[in-house]
Structure formats: C-alpha cells, structure tokens
Amino acid sequence: MKYWRETIAVTQRILIELLRRRRSLIFWSIFPISVLILSGIILTERAKLPIAAAFEYAAPSTLVGAALFFSCLGGSVATVVAEREQQTLKRLFISPLSGTSYFLGIFLAHTCIGFGQTLLIYTIAAFWGASFKGSILLGLAIILMSIVAYVGLGFILGTQLARRIEDVNALVAAFGVPLLILGGAFLPTSLFPQTLLNIAKFNPIYHMNVALVAVSARGEEISDITSHLKFLLIFALVMVVGGWLSYQRMLIVERRL
C-alpha cells in the first residue's frame, strides 16, 4: 500500500501541474487534432475514400504518431529533465518517498495523458463518422504497449542524453521525426519503396501504426497481427528495463553531485 499511495501522489502532482499549464495542455490538444483533420482530408481527396473511412485510417496513425509520441515520449523526457533542473530528485533523497514509487508515478501519469489523448482523437474521428471496427480490448492493449514503450524510451533519453530543458526539443526531433516518417505516421507505408519497408520493420512506430490501423480500421484479430504484437511486447519490456536502469544510474549520479 505504501508504494501505491506514493505512486498515486506522484501521478497526481504531475497531472495537476499539467492542468495548471493550460497553454501546454491546449497545444497538446491542437497538434494531434490538426494532424488528424489534415490526414483525413488528404485521404478523402487523394485516396478517394468516404470521409468516415478516411478518418478511420487517419485516427490510429495520428494517435501513435502525433499524440502519444509527443506527449508520452517528449513529455516524459521533459519531466525527467525538469525534475533534475528543479532539484526535485535531491529533495527525494531526504524524503520518505521511494525511487520506485517516483518512477512508477511518472509512468502512470503519462499513461493517463496517453489515454486522454486517445479519447480525444477518437471523439474527433467519430464526429466525422469514423468507428472503431475491431476489438476494443485489443486496441487498448496496443495503445498501452505503445505508451509503455514511449515512456520507457523517454526515461532512457531524458536521463542519458538531455541535461537541460533546451535539449528536449532537439533530442526528440533528432531521434523521433525520422522514426515517425519511417513508421508511416505521416505518409502511408504503401508509398514506401521496398528498401524503406525492410528498414521500417525494425522501427517500433511502424509496428504500432500497422497493428492499430489493422484493428481499428479493418477489424482484424490477434492472429492477423501476431508478429507486430510480439515486436511491440518485446520492445516495450526492453524499454521498461532500460528506462529503470537508466533511472537508477541517474540517481547514483545525482547523489554524488
């Protein structure tokens, strides 16, 4: 119960701070909505799809590429770096709060943010007539694995490569934007040459995108996307372990300063 109470307390603090920064909250909403609408209109006009079908295909790609990427990956990197700059970690050492609870609290906070953006994206898509055709539980599982993978990677990048808040945007752009394009977040993978498709198979965003599109827009089952689910599960687990080890290493370094 001690770890649970502390984890919830850390989660609440992060979410309350986000609510207080209304400008950031508004921008986090405007960006994925804009990408969703633009993608839906482009698919309607260029692919000659009915508007509802266009948004059914645009919603999952927008979610994993625009919403979850920048809020869960970029957000977790920014949170870790800000906590170091604000000396929060040093105060942690003299408080009864455990490092495990702090780590889990950041994970849970960004999970809440991610599911909030999922609700936002699919609410907007539903306004244009889109529907979720596959298993909702399977879709939620894919989204949860994507969130876990992003936040774990955010811990690795935030603890090992970023030192100041100014580093966050450059870091996320350098690592993230090429992966987003290669993952089919902005361009359909059907347009990729075979060489890029072969490379994309090593990109986790590609597997997130393909799996969620398959379930959400085409109603496919687990048996149809088994390879993508296996890749996502293994990648998410590796990122959690890597994020935890990076976090522990950061604490050791902070104690010495």
C-alpha atoms as a PDB file:
ATOM      1  CA  MET A   1       0.000   0.000   0.000  1.00  0.00           C
ATOM      2  CA  LYS A   2       2.894   2.358   0.698  1.00  0.00           C
ATOM      3  CA  TYR A   3       4.162   2.146  -2.884  1.00  0.00           C
ATOM      4  CA  TRP A   4       0.623   2.510  -4.245  1.00  0.00           C
ATOM      5  CA  ARG A   5      -0.090   5.666  -2.214  1.00  0.00           C
ATOM      6  CA  GLU A   6       3.230   7.216  -3.172  1.00  0.00           C
ATOM      7  CA  THR A   7       2.776   6.342  -6.841  1.00  0.00           C
ATOM      8  CA  ILE A   8      -0.681   7.929  -6.895  1.00  0.00           C
ATOM      9  CA  ALA A   9       0.671  11.031  -5.140  1.00  0.00           C
ATOM     10  CA  VAL A  10       3.417  11.478  -7.768  1.00  0.00           C
ATOM     11  CA  THR A  11       0.903  10.907 -10.566  1.00  0.00           C
ATOM     12  CA  GLN A  12      -1.497  13.481  -9.142  1.00  0.00           C
ATOM     13  CA  ARG A  13       1.274  16.065  -8.779  1.00  0.00           C
ATOM     14  CA  ILE A  14       2.362  15.707 -12.410  1.00  0.00           C
ATOM     15  CA  LEU A  15      -1.212  15.836 -13.725  1.00  0.00           C
ATOM     16  CA  ILE A  16      -2.085  18.852 -11.564  1.00  0.00           C
ATOM     17  CA  GLU A  17       0.991  20.693 -12.834  1.00  0.00           C
ATOM     18  CA  LEU A  18      -0.071  19.893 -16.395  1.00  0.00           C
ATOM     19  CA  LEU A  19      -3.569  21.240 -15.764  1.00  0.00           C
ATOM     20  CA  ARG A  20      -2.072  24.429 -14.377  1.00  0.00           C
ATOM     21  CA  ARG A  21      -0.008  24.896 -17.538  1.00  0.00           C
ATOM     22  CA  ARG A  22      -3.090  25.438 -19.644  1.00  0.00           C
ATOM     23  CA  ARG A  23      -1.125  26.683 -22.627  1.00  0.00           C
ATOM     24  CA  SER A  24       0.788  23.383 -22.914  1.00  0.00           C
ATOM     25  CA  LEU A  25      -2.442  21.447 -22.468  1.00  0.00           C
ATOM     26  CA  ILE A  26      -4.098  23.402 -25.279  1.00  0.00           C
ATOM     27  CA  PHE A  27      -1.140  22.888 -27.618  1.00  0.00           C
ATOM     28  CA  TRP A  28      -1.060  19.161 -26.840  1.00  0.00           C
ATOM     29  CA  SER A  29      -4.689  19.078 -27.959  1.00  0.00           C
ATOM     30  CA  ILE A  30      -4.420  21.313 -31.019  1.00  0.00           C
ATOM     31  CA  PHE A  31      -1.482  19.477 -32.576  1.00  0.00           C
ATOM     32  CA  PRO A  32      -2.978  15.944 -32.878  1.00  0.00           C
ATOM     33  CA  ILE A  33      -6.399  17.325 -33.821  1.00  0.00           C
ATOM     34  CA  SER A  34      -4.819  19.351 -36.638  1.00  0.00           C
ATOM     35  CA  VAL A  35      -2.849  16.338 -37.893  1.00  0.00           C
ATOM     36  CA  LEU A  36      -5.974  14.163 -37.738  1.00  0.00           C
ATOM     37  CA  ILE A  37      -8.104  16.592 -39.730  1.00  0.00           C
ATOM     38  CA  LEU A  38      -5.402  17.205 -42.341  1.00  0.00           C
ATOM     39  CA  SER A  39      -4.743  13.469 -42.744  1.00  0.00           C
ATOM     40  CA  GLY A  40      -8.449  12.731 -43.039  1.00  0.00           C
ATOM     41  CA  ILE A  41      -8.984  15.409 -45.690  1.00  0.00           C
ATOM     42  CA  ILE A  42      -5.936  14.277 -47.696  1.00  0.00           C
ATOM     43  CA  LEU A  43      -7.082  10.640 -47.642  1.00  0.00           C
ATOM     44  CA  THR A  44     -10.574  11.684 -48.670  1.00  0.00           C
ATOM     45  CA  GLU A  45      -9.352  13.700 -51.636  1.00  0.00           C
ATOM     46  CA  ARG A  46      -6.350  11.707 -52.848  1.00  0.00           C
ATOM     47  CA  ALA A  47      -7.333   8.138 -51.954  1.00  0.00           C
ATOM     48  CA  LYS A  48     -10.963   8.734 -52.931  1.00  0.00           C
ATOM     49  CA  LEU A  49     -12.205   7.287 -49.646  1.00  0.00           C
ATOM     50  CA  PRO A  50     -15.507   8.181 -47.993  1.00  0.00           C
ATOM     51  CA  ILE A  51     -14.850  10.704 -45.261  1.00  0.00           C
ATOM     52  CA  ALA A  52     -15.741   8.247 -42.483  1.00  0.00           C
ATOM     53  CA  ALA A  53     -13.329   5.618 -43.850  1.00  0.00           C
ATOM     54  CA  ALA A  54     -10.604   8.246 -44.268  1.00  0.00           C
ATOM     55  CA  PHE A  55     -10.820   9.223 -40.614  1.00  0.00           C
ATOM     56  CA  GLU A  56     -10.905   5.564 -39.567  1.00  0.00           C
ATOM     57  CA  TYR A  57      -7.487   5.162 -41.178  1.00  0.00           C
ATOM     58  CA  ALA A  58      -6.181   8.559 -40.061  1.00  0.00           C
ATOM     59  CA  ALA A  59      -7.120   8.226 -36.377  1.00  0.00           C
ATOM     60  CA  PRO A  60      -4.774   5.364 -35.333  1.00  0.00           C
ATOM     61  CA  SER A  61      -1.803   6.785 -37.259  1.00  0.00           C
ATOM     62  CA  THR A  62      -2.387  10.212 -35.736  1.00  0.00           C
ATOM     63  CA  LEU A  63      -2.688   8.710 -32.275  1.00  0.00           C
ATOM     64  CA  VAL A  64       0.596   6.775 -32.259  1.00  0.00           C
ATOM     65  CA  GLY A  65       2.487   9.271 -34.420  1.00  0.00           C
ATOM     66  CA  ALA A  66       1.353  12.699 -33.301  1.00  0.00           C
ATOM     67  CA  ALA A  67      -0.403  12.337 -29.947  1.00  0.00           C
ATOM     68  CA  LEU A  68       1.344   9.569 -27.991  1.00  0.00           C
ATOM     69  CA  PHE A  69       4.786  10.243 -29.426  1.00  0.00           C
ATOM     70  CA  PHE A  70       4.989  13.866 -28.356  1.00  0.00           C
ATOM     71  CA  SER A  71       3.050  13.577 -25.102  1.00  0.00           C
ATOM     72  CA  CYS A  72       4.437  10.281 -23.782  1.00  0.00           C
ATOM     73  CA  LEU A  73       7.950  10.318 -25.238  1.00  0.00           C
ATOM     74  CA  GLY A  74       8.557  14.053 -25.380  1.00  0.00           C
ATOM     75  CA  GLY A  75       6.579  14.606 -22.176  1.00  0.00           C
ATOM     76  CA  SER A  76       8.496  12.010 -20.168  1.00  0.00           C
ATOM     77  CA  VAL A  77      11.841  13.380 -21.386  1.00  0.00           C
ATOM     78  CA  ALA A  78      10.756  16.901 -20.395  1.00  0.00           C
ATOM     79  CA  THR A  79       9.509  15.706 -16.986  1.00  0.00           C
ATOM     80  CA  VAL A  80      12.760  13.924 -16.120  1.00  0.00           C
ATOM     81  CA  VAL A  81      14.931  16.843 -17.247  1.00  0.00           C
ATOM     82  CA  ALA A  82      12.773  19.413 -15.453  1.00  0.00           C
ATOM     83  CA  GLU A  83      12.869  17.422 -12.217  1.00  0.00           C
ATOM     84  CA  ARG A  84      16.653  17.372 -12.367  1.00  0.00           C
ATOM     85  CA  GLU A  85      16.881  21.109 -13.062  1.00  0.00           C
ATOM     86  CA  GLN A  86      14.419  21.934 -10.271  1.00  0.00           C
ATOM     87  CA  GLN A  87      16.386  19.775  -7.803  1.00  0.00           C
ATOM     88  CA  THR A  88      13.326  17.612  -7.157  1.00  0.00           C
ATOM     89  CA  LEU A  89      15.463  14.485  -7.176  1.00  0.00           C
ATOM     90  CA  LYS A  90      17.745  15.834  -4.465  1.00  0.00           C
ATOM     91  CA  ARG A  91      14.711  16.530  -2.275  1.00  0.00           C
ATOM     92  CA  LEU A  92      13.610  12.970  -2.981  1.00  0.00           C
ATOM     93  CA  PHE A  93      16.714  11.640  -1.242  1.00  0.00           C
ATOM     94  CA  ILE A  94      15.757  13.249   2.079  1.00  0.00           C
ATOM     95  CA  SER A  95      12.046  12.385   1.877  1.00  0.00           C
ATOM     96  CA  PRO A  96      10.276   9.095   2.682  1.00  0.00           C
ATOM     97  CA  LEU A  97       9.218   8.798  -0.987  1.00  0.00           C
ATOM     98  CA  SER A  98      10.864   5.790  -2.629  1.00  0.00           C
ATOM     99  CA  GLY A  99      12.575   5.931  -6.006  1.00  0.00           C
ATOM    100  CA  THR A 100      10.386   3.070  -7.227  1.00  0.00           C
ATOM    101  CA  SER A 101       7.193   4.999  -6.491  1.00  0.00           C
ATOM    102  CA  TYR A 102       8.575   8.066  -8.237  1.00  0.00           C
ATOM    103  CA  PHE A 103       9.438   6.022 -11.331  1.00  0.00           C
ATOM    104  CA  LEU A 104       6.019   4.330 -11.402  1.00  0.00           C
ATOM    105  CA  GLY A 105       4.253   7.652 -10.750  1.00  0.00           C
ATOM    106  CA  ILE A 106       5.756   9.214 -13.878  1.00  0.00           C
ATOM    107  CA  PHE A 107       4.768   6.112 -15.860  1.00  0.00           C
ATOM    108  CA  LEU A 108       1.185   6.233 -14.576  1.00  0.00           C
ATOM    109  CA  ALA A 109       0.841   9.993 -15.172  1.00  0.00           C
ATOM    110  CA  HIS A 110       1.830   9.707 -18.818  1.00  0.00           C
ATOM    111  CA  THR A 111      -0.386   6.653 -19.216  1.00  0.00           C
ATOM    112  CA  CYS A 112      -3.318   8.806 -18.103  1.00  0.00           C
ATOM    113  CA  ILE A 113      -2.259  11.520 -20.538  1.00  0.00           C
ATOM    114  CA  GLY A 114      -1.983   8.973 -23.339  1.00  0.00           C
ATOM    115  CA  PHE A 115      -5.442   7.527 -22.765  1.00  0.00           C
ATOM    116  CA  GLY A 116      -6.838  11.051 -22.519  1.00  0.00           C
ATOM    117  CA  GLN A 117      -5.439  11.826 -25.950  1.00  0.00           C
ATOM    118  CA  THR A 118      -6.813   8.518 -27.250  1.00  0.00           C
ATOM    119  CA  LEU A 119     -10.275   9.588 -26.144  1.00  0.00           C
ATOM    120  CA  LEU A 120      -9.779  12.999 -27.750  1.00  0.00           C
ATOM    121  CA  ILE A 121      -8.595  11.614 -31.111  1.00  0.00           C
ATOM    122  CA  TYR A 122     -11.355   9.039 -31.441  1.00  0.00           C
ATOM    123  CA  THR A 123     -14.018  11.506 -30.312  1.00  0.00           C
ATOM    124  CA  ILE A 124     -12.989  13.876 -33.110  1.00  0.00           C
ATOM    125  CA  ALA A 125     -12.838  10.990 -35.599  1.00  0.00           C
ATOM    126  CA  ALA A 126     -16.311   9.828 -34.533  1.00  0.00           C
ATOM    127  CA  PHE A 127     -17.616  13.332 -35.245  1.00  0.00           C
ATOM    128  CA  TRP A 128     -16.658  12.695 -38.899  1.00  0.00           C
ATOM    129  CA  GLY A 129     -18.422   9.342 -38.896  1.00  0.00           C
ATOM    130  CA  ALA A 130     -15.482   7.051 -38.080  1.00  0.00           C
ATOM    131  CA  SER A 131     -15.916   3.984 -35.890  1.00  0.00           C
ATOM    132  CA  PHE A 132     -13.601   1.502 -34.154  1.00  0.00           C
ATOM    133  CA  LYS A 133     -14.215  -1.730 -36.037  1.00  0.00           C
ATOM    134  CA  GLY A 134     -12.100  -4.273 -34.169  1.00  0.00           C
ATOM    135  CA  SER A 135     -11.749  -5.469 -30.580  1.00  0.00           C
ATOM    136  CA  ILE A 136     -11.624  -2.525 -28.201  1.00  0.00           C
ATOM    137  CA  LEU A 137      -9.612  -4.548 -25.671  1.00  0.00           C
ATOM    138  CA  LEU A 138      -7.031  -5.451 -28.309  1.00  0.00           C
ATOM    139  CA  GLY A 139      -6.854  -1.831 -29.399  1.00  0.00           C
ATOM    140  CA  LEU A 140      -6.337  -0.699 -25.800  1.00  0.00           C
ATOM    141  CA  ALA A 141      -3.597  -3.291 -25.377  1.00  0.00           C
ATOM    142  CA  ILE A 142      -1.747  -1.930 -28.429  1.00  0.00           C
ATOM    143  CA  ILE A 143      -2.140   1.622 -27.154  1.00  0.00           C
ATOM    144  CA  LEU A 144      -0.898   0.634 -23.681  1.00  0.00           C
ATOM    145  CA  MET A 145       2.172  -1.117 -25.113  1.00  0.00           C
ATOM    146  CA  SER A 146       2.867   1.973 -27.221  1.00  0.00           C
ATOM    147  CA  ILE A 147       2.613   4.249 -24.181  1.00  0.00           C
ATOM    148  CA  VAL A 148       4.893   1.998 -22.115  1.00  0.00           C
ATOM    149  CA  ALA A 149       7.445   1.850 -24.936  1.00  0.00           C
ATOM    150  CA  TYR A 150       7.414   5.625 -25.409  1.00  0.00           C
ATOM    151  CA  VAL A 151       7.718   6.442 -21.705  1.00  0.00           C
ATOM    152  CA  GLY A 152      10.478   3.870 -21.187  1.00  0.00           C
ATOM    153  CA  LEU A 153      12.408   5.311 -24.125  1.00  0.00           C
ATOM    154  CA  GLY A 154      11.744   8.782 -22.730  1.00  0.00           C
ATOM    155  CA  PHE A 155      13.427   7.781 -19.457  1.00  0.00           C
ATOM    156  CA  ILE A 156      16.467   6.494 -21.353  1.00  0.00           C
ATOM    157  CA  LEU A 157      16.810   9.641 -23.452  1.00  0.00           C
ATOM    158  CA  GLY A 158      15.971  12.006 -20.597  1.00  0.00           C
ATOM    159  CA  THR A 159      18.429  10.510 -18.135  1.00  0.00           C
ATOM    160  CA  GLN A 160      21.309   9.779 -20.503  1.00  0.00           C
ATOM    161  CA  LEU A 161      21.298  12.419 -23.232  1.00  0.00           C
ATOM    162  CA  ALA A 162      19.372  15.509 -22.068  1.00  0.00           C
ATOM    163  CA  ARG A 163      20.797  17.845 -19.438  1.00  0.00           C
ATOM    164  CA  ARG A 164      18.659  20.974 -19.834  1.00  0.00           C
ATOM    165  CA  ILE A 165      15.110  21.738 -20.916  1.00  0.00           C
ATOM    166  CA  GLU A 166      16.557  23.319 -24.071  1.00  0.00           C
ATOM    167  CA  ASP A 167      17.891  19.902 -25.090  1.00  0.00           C
ATOM    168  CA  VAL A 168      14.464  18.265 -25.174  1.00  0.00           C
ATOM    169  CA  ASN A 169      13.156  19.610 -28.485  1.00  0.00           C
ATOM    170  CA  ALA A 170      16.410  18.927 -30.336  1.00  0.00           C
ATOM    171  CA  LEU A 171      16.624  15.429 -28.853  1.00  0.00           C
ATOM    172  CA  VAL A 172      13.048  14.460 -29.693  1.00  0.00           C
ATOM    173  CA  ALA A 173      13.337  15.926 -33.192  1.00  0.00           C
ATOM    174  CA  ALA A 174      16.647  14.220 -33.946  1.00  0.00           C
ATOM    175  CA  PHE A 175      15.520  10.775 -32.819  1.00  0.00           C
ATOM    176  CA  GLY A 176      11.799  10.987 -33.368  1.00  0.00           C
ATOM    177  CA  VAL A 177      10.896  12.710 -36.612  1.00  0.00           C
ATOM    178  CA  PRO A 178      12.780  10.272 -38.901  1.00  0.00           C
ATOM    179  CA  LEU A 179      11.221   7.347 -36.994  1.00  0.00           C
ATOM    180  CA  LEU A 180       7.745   8.873 -37.358  1.00  0.00           C
ATOM    181  CA  ILE A 181       8.118   9.261 -41.112  1.00  0.00           C
ATOM    182  CA  LEU A 182       9.584   5.783 -41.469  1.00  0.00           C
ATOM    183  CA  GLY A 183       6.814   4.386 -39.274  1.00  0.00           C
ATOM    184  CA  GLY A 184       4.056   5.631 -41.561  1.00  0.00           C
ATOM    185  CA  ALA A 185       2.722   8.220 -39.138  1.00  0.00           C
ATOM    186  CA  PHE A 186       2.538  10.943 -41.783  1.00  0.00           C
ATOM    187  CA  LEU A 187       2.876   9.009 -45.062  1.00  0.00           C
ATOM    188  CA  PRO A 188       1.172   5.659 -45.770  1.00  0.00           C
ATOM    189  CA  THR A 189       3.676   2.809 -45.793  1.00  0.00           C
ATOM    190  CA  SER A 190       2.119   1.647 -49.065  1.00  0.00           C
ATOM    191  CA  LEU A 191       4.031   4.513 -50.725  1.00  0.00           C
ATOM    192  CA  PHE A 192       7.404   3.320 -49.414  1.00  0.00           C
ATOM    193  CA  PRO A 193       9.913   1.586 -51.723  1.00  0.00           C
ATOM    194  CA  GLN A 194      10.840  -1.946 -50.682  1.00  0.00           C
ATOM    195  CA  THR A 195      14.164  -0.795 -49.230  1.00  0.00           C
ATOM    196  CA  LEU A 196      12.449   1.533 -46.771  1.00  0.00           C
ATOM    197  CA  LEU A 197       9.863  -1.115 -45.915  1.00  0.00           C
ATOM    198  CA  ASN A 198      12.646  -3.521 -44.990  1.00  0.00           C
ATOM    199  CA  ILE A 199      14.189  -0.880 -42.718  1.00  0.00           C
ATOM    200  CA  ALA A 200      10.791   0.081 -41.266  1.00  0.00           C
ATOM    201  CA  LYS A 201      10.320  -3.432 -39.878  1.00  0.00           C
ATOM    202  CA  PHE A 202      12.923  -2.569 -37.231  1.00  0.00           C
ATOM    203  CA  ASN A 203      11.038   0.613 -36.282  1.00  0.00           C
ATOM    204  CA  PRO A 204       8.638   0.218 -33.315  1.00  0.00           C
ATOM    205  CA  ILE A 205       6.418   3.053 -34.566  1.00  0.00           C
ATOM    206  CA  TYR A 206       5.837   1.096 -37.769  1.00  0.00           C
ATOM    207  CA  HIS A 207       4.535  -1.866 -35.757  1.00  0.00           C
ATOM    208  CA  MET A 208       2.393   0.399 -33.535  1.00  0.00           C
ATOM    209  CA  ASN A 209       0.896   2.059 -36.589  1.00  0.00           C
ATOM    210  CA  VAL A 210       0.271  -1.089 -38.637  1.00  0.00           C
ATOM    211  CA  ALA A 211      -1.185  -3.025 -35.688  1.00  0.00           C
ATOM    212  CA  LEU A 212      -3.534  -0.247 -34.565  1.00  0.00           C
ATOM    213  CA  VAL A 213      -4.697   0.549 -38.119  1.00  0.00           C
ATOM    214  CA  ALA A 214      -5.391  -3.153 -38.694  1.00  0.00           C
ATOM    215  CA  VAL A 215      -7.515  -3.461 -35.564  1.00  0.00           C
ATOM    216  CA  SER A 216      -9.160  -0.046 -35.622  1.00  0.00           C
ATOM    217  CA  ALA A 217      -9.893   0.461 -39.331  1.00  0.00           C
ATOM    218  CA  ARG A 218     -10.100  -3.105 -40.658  1.00  0.00           C
ATOM    219  CA  GLY A 219     -11.319  -5.058 -37.633  1.00  0.00           C
ATOM    220  CA  GLU A 220      -8.515  -7.628 -37.737  1.00  0.00           C
ATOM    221  CA  GLU A 221      -7.903 -10.095 -34.890  1.00  0.00           C
ATOM    222  CA  ILE A 222      -4.838 -11.121 -32.889  1.00  0.00           C
ATOM    223  CA  SER A 223      -3.938 -13.859 -35.365  1.00  0.00           C
ATOM    224  CA  ASP A 224      -3.649 -11.274 -38.154  1.00  0.00           C
ATOM    225  CA  ILE A 225      -1.139  -9.048 -36.336  1.00  0.00           C
ATOM    226  CA  THR A 226       0.778 -11.563 -34.207  1.00  0.00           C
ATOM    227  CA  SER A 227       4.213 -10.517 -35.471  1.00  0.00           C
ATOM    228  CA  HIS A 228       3.530  -6.838 -34.729  1.00  0.00           C
ATOM    229  CA  LEU A 229       2.242  -7.623 -31.237  1.00  0.00           C
ATOM    230  CA  LYS A 230       5.298  -9.738 -30.432  1.00  0.00           C
ATOM    231  CA  PHE A 231       7.626  -6.970 -31.572  1.00  0.00           C
ATOM    232  CA  LEU A 232       5.740  -4.358 -29.536  1.00  0.00           C
ATOM    233  CA  LEU A 233       5.633  -6.509 -26.412  1.00  0.00           C
ATOM    234  CA  ILE A 234       9.353  -7.268 -26.516  1.00  0.00           C
ATOM    235  CA  PHE A 235      10.238  -3.659 -27.320  1.00  0.00           C
ATOM    236  CA  ALA A 236       8.036  -2.324 -24.501  1.00  0.00           C
ATOM    237  CA  LEU A 237       9.606  -4.710 -21.973  1.00  0.00           C
ATOM    238  CA  VAL A 238      13.116  -3.782 -23.103  1.00  0.00           C
ATOM    239  CA  MET A 239      12.292  -0.076 -22.814  1.00  0.00           C
ATOM    240  CA  VAL A 240      10.892  -0.512 -19.293  1.00  0.00           C
ATOM    241  CA  VAL A 241      14.007  -2.358 -18.155  1.00  0.00           C
ATOM    242  CA  GLY A 242      16.264   0.115 -19.951  1.00  0.00           C
ATOM    243  CA  GLY A 243      14.351   3.069 -18.510  1.00  0.00           C
ATOM    244  CA  TRP A 244      14.570   1.650 -14.979  1.00  0.00           C
ATOM    245  CA  LEU A 245      18.320   1.002 -15.247  1.00  0.00           C
ATOM    246  CA  SER A 246      18.884   4.476 -16.693  1.00  0.00           C
ATOM    247  CA  TYR A 247      16.824   5.993 -13.897  1.00  0.00           C
ATOM    248  CA  GLN A 248      18.842   4.142 -11.245  1.00  0.00           C
ATOM    249  CA  ARG A 249      22.079   5.285 -12.847  1.00  0.00           C
ATOM    250  CA  MET A 250      20.814   8.868 -12.851  1.00  0.00           C
ATOM    251  CA  LEU A 251      20.026   8.643  -9.120  1.00  0.00           C
ATOM    252  CA  ILE A 252      23.558   7.445  -8.399  1.00  0.00           C
ATOM    253  CA  VAL A 253      24.991  10.372 -10.345  1.00  0.00           C
ATOM    254  CA  GLU A 254      22.649  12.883  -8.646  1.00  0.00           C
ATOM    255  CA  ARG A 255      23.654  11.656  -5.189  1.00  0.00           C
ATOM    256  CA  ARG A 256      27.282  12.402  -5.979  1.00  0.00           C
ATOM    257  CA  LEU A 257      26.599  15.993  -7.029  1.00  0.00           C
END
